[in-house]
Protein backbone atom coordinates (compact mmCIF):
# COMPACT_ATOMS: atom_id res chain seq x y z
CA MET A 1 12.75 -1.03 -22.40
CA ALA A 2 9.11 -0.84 -21.33
CA ARG A 3 8.27 -0.75 -17.65
CA GLN A 4 6.76 -3.94 -16.23
CA LYS A 5 3.05 -3.86 -15.50
CA THR A 6 2.07 -3.59 -11.86
CA PRO A 7 0.54 -6.89 -10.71
CA LEU A 8 -3.15 -6.65 -9.84
CA SER A 9 -2.54 -7.80 -6.27
CA LYS A 10 -0.05 -4.96 -5.74
CA ALA A 11 -2.43 -2.46 -7.33
CA ARG A 12 -5.11 -3.55 -4.86
CA LEU A 13 -2.72 -3.16 -1.92
CA THR A 14 -1.60 0.31 -2.95
CA GLY A 15 -5.00 1.52 -4.15
CA ALA A 16 -3.78 2.07 -7.71
CA ASP A 17 -6.69 -0.03 -9.03
CA ARG A 18 -9.13 2.53 -7.56
CA VAL A 19 -7.20 5.53 -8.88
CA ASN A 20 -6.98 4.15 -12.44
CA PRO A 21 -9.63 1.41 -12.69
CA GLY A 22 -9.40 1.23 -16.48
CA ARG A 23 -5.72 0.39 -16.35
CA PHE A 24 -6.36 -2.73 -14.26
CA ARG A 25 -9.70 -3.82 -15.75
CA ASP A 26 -8.31 -6.72 -17.81
CA ARG A 27 -5.52 -7.81 -15.43
CA LYS A 28 -5.77 -11.03 -13.50
CA ASP A 29 -3.57 -12.53 -10.81
CA PRO A 30 -2.01 -15.87 -11.72
CA GLU A 31 -3.94 -18.87 -10.47
CA LEU A 32 -2.13 -20.91 -7.85
CA SER A 33 -2.72 -24.58 -7.11
CA GLY A 34 -2.93 -24.01 -3.36
CA LYS A 35 -0.50 -26.90 -2.83
CA ASP A 36 2.28 -26.74 -0.29
CA ILE A 37 5.80 -26.42 -1.72
CA GLY A 38 6.58 -29.99 -0.65
CA GLU A 39 9.87 -31.78 -0.34
CA PRO A 40 13.08 -30.83 -2.20
CA LEU A 41 13.34 -31.95 -5.81
CA ASP A 42 14.99 -35.37 -6.22
CA TRP A 43 17.80 -34.18 -8.46
CA LEU A 44 19.17 -31.67 -5.94
CA SER A 45 22.39 -32.51 -4.13
CA LYS A 46 22.33 -33.35 -0.41
CA ASP A 47 23.59 -29.85 0.45
CA ALA A 48 21.06 -28.19 -1.85
CA LYS A 49 18.25 -30.21 -0.24
CA SER A 50 19.41 -28.94 3.14
CA ALA A 51 19.42 -25.37 1.78
CA TRP A 52 15.91 -25.98 0.33
CA ARG A 53 14.60 -26.93 3.78
CA GLU A 54 16.17 -23.84 5.33
CA ILE A 55 14.69 -21.57 2.64
CA VAL A 56 11.21 -23.08 3.05
CA LYS A 57 11.42 -22.80 6.85
CA THR A 58 12.54 -19.17 6.61
CA LEU A 59 10.10 -18.11 3.87
CA PRO A 60 6.77 -19.74 4.78
CA TRP A 61 4.79 -18.08 1.97
CA LEU A 62 6.43 -20.19 -0.75
CA VAL A 63 4.02 -22.44 -2.66
CA TYR A 64 4.20 -25.33 -5.12
CA GLU A 65 4.61 -23.01 -8.10
CA ASP A 66 7.83 -21.64 -6.54
CA ARG A 67 9.62 -25.03 -6.64
CA LEU A 68 11.96 -24.31 -9.56
CA ALA A 69 12.95 -20.90 -8.18
CA VAL A 70 13.62 -22.46 -4.78
CA ALA A 71 15.64 -25.27 -6.37
CA HIS A 72 17.79 -22.73 -8.24
CA THR A 73 18.32 -20.67 -5.10
CA ALA A 74 19.02 -23.74 -2.95
CA GLY A 75 21.68 -24.91 -5.39
CA MET A 76 23.36 -21.52 -5.29
CA LEU A 77 23.12 -21.32 -1.50
CA ALA A 78 24.70 -24.77 -1.18
CA GLN A 79 27.54 -23.67 -3.47
CA TYR A 80 27.94 -20.44 -1.48
CA THR A 81 28.17 -22.37 1.80
CA LYS A 82 30.72 -24.77 0.35
CA LEU A 83 32.91 -21.94 -0.92
CA ILE A 84 32.73 -20.04 2.38
CA ASN A 85 33.50 -23.15 4.45
CA ASN A 86 36.53 -23.93 2.26
CA GLY A 87 37.85 -20.36 2.39
CA LYS A 88 37.43 -19.91 -1.37
CA PRO A 89 36.87 -16.46 -2.90
CA LEU A 90 33.41 -15.51 -4.11
CA GLN A 91 32.92 -13.80 -7.45
CA ALA A 92 30.87 -10.62 -7.42
CA SER A 93 28.66 -11.96 -10.22
CA PHE A 94 27.84 -15.05 -8.15
CA MET A 95 26.96 -12.93 -5.11
CA SER A 96 24.80 -10.67 -7.28
CA GLU A 97 22.94 -13.65 -8.74
CA LEU A 98 22.42 -15.21 -5.31
CA ARG A 99 21.14 -11.92 -3.91
CA ALA A 100 18.74 -11.54 -6.85
CA SER A 101 17.55 -15.12 -6.52
CA LEU A 102 16.88 -14.71 -2.80
CA GLY A 103 15.16 -11.40 -3.52
CA ASN A 104 12.84 -13.05 -6.03
CA LEU A 105 11.68 -15.33 -3.22
CA GLY A 106 11.11 -12.38 -0.88
CA ALA A 107 14.06 -12.94 1.45
CA SER A 108 14.63 -9.27 2.34
CA PRO A 109 12.16 -6.80 3.87
CA THR A 110 11.87 -4.82 0.64
CA ASP A 111 11.48 -7.89 -1.54
CA ARG A 112 9.06 -9.48 0.93
CA SER A 113 6.68 -6.55 0.51
CA LYS A 114 6.67 -7.22 -3.24
CA VAL A 115 5.78 -10.91 -3.00
CA MET A 116 3.24 -10.80 -0.18
CA GLY A 117 0.44 -9.47 -2.35
CA GLY A 118 -2.29 -11.72 -3.74
CA ASN A 119 -3.13 -15.11 -2.30
CA ARG A 120 0.28 -16.18 -1.07
CA GLY A 121 -0.83 -16.72 2.52
CA SER A 122 0.17 -15.02 5.73
CA VAL A 123 3.63 -14.72 7.16
CA ASN A 124 2.90 -15.62 10.77
CA ASN A 125 -0.53 -15.81 12.34
CA ASP A 126 1.08 -16.46 15.75
CA ASN A 127 2.88 -13.12 15.79
CA PRO A 128 1.59 -11.25 18.90
CA PHE A 129 2.10 -7.88 17.24
CA MET A 130 -0.19 -8.87 14.37
CA GLN A 131 -2.91 -9.70 16.92
CA PHE A 132 -2.35 -6.34 18.60
CA ALA A 133 -2.53 -4.58 15.24
CA GLY A 134 -5.80 -6.37 14.44
CA ARG A 135 -4.40 -8.39 11.52
CA HIS A 136 -4.86 -11.96 12.69
């Protein structure tokens, strides 16, 4: 299977676009609407809507175009919470899918570094360390 192309925003962050400018000449970052992610989708269950709000609060870089991925993850997180609270066993495949879904949203330090490229906004402008580091 062919390796996925490096997104242009990541190439800019790592400097790969300067090392191999020809490789990135025709690449473009996807256009985003600039709209906030908004409220949970109507068809989500009450528990999934609660999970949606927690995800959005925890991952402030999510945007309108992430709504379907957040809905999928919120549904799984609601199911996870229900199973845990009822003492039910969790299947390894379910845990793997939930972990991957959260990772796609940037919910771990490693995954966060992958999604923060491009025009996805800043994580926290109020972070005192970021002011100290000159990144405010």
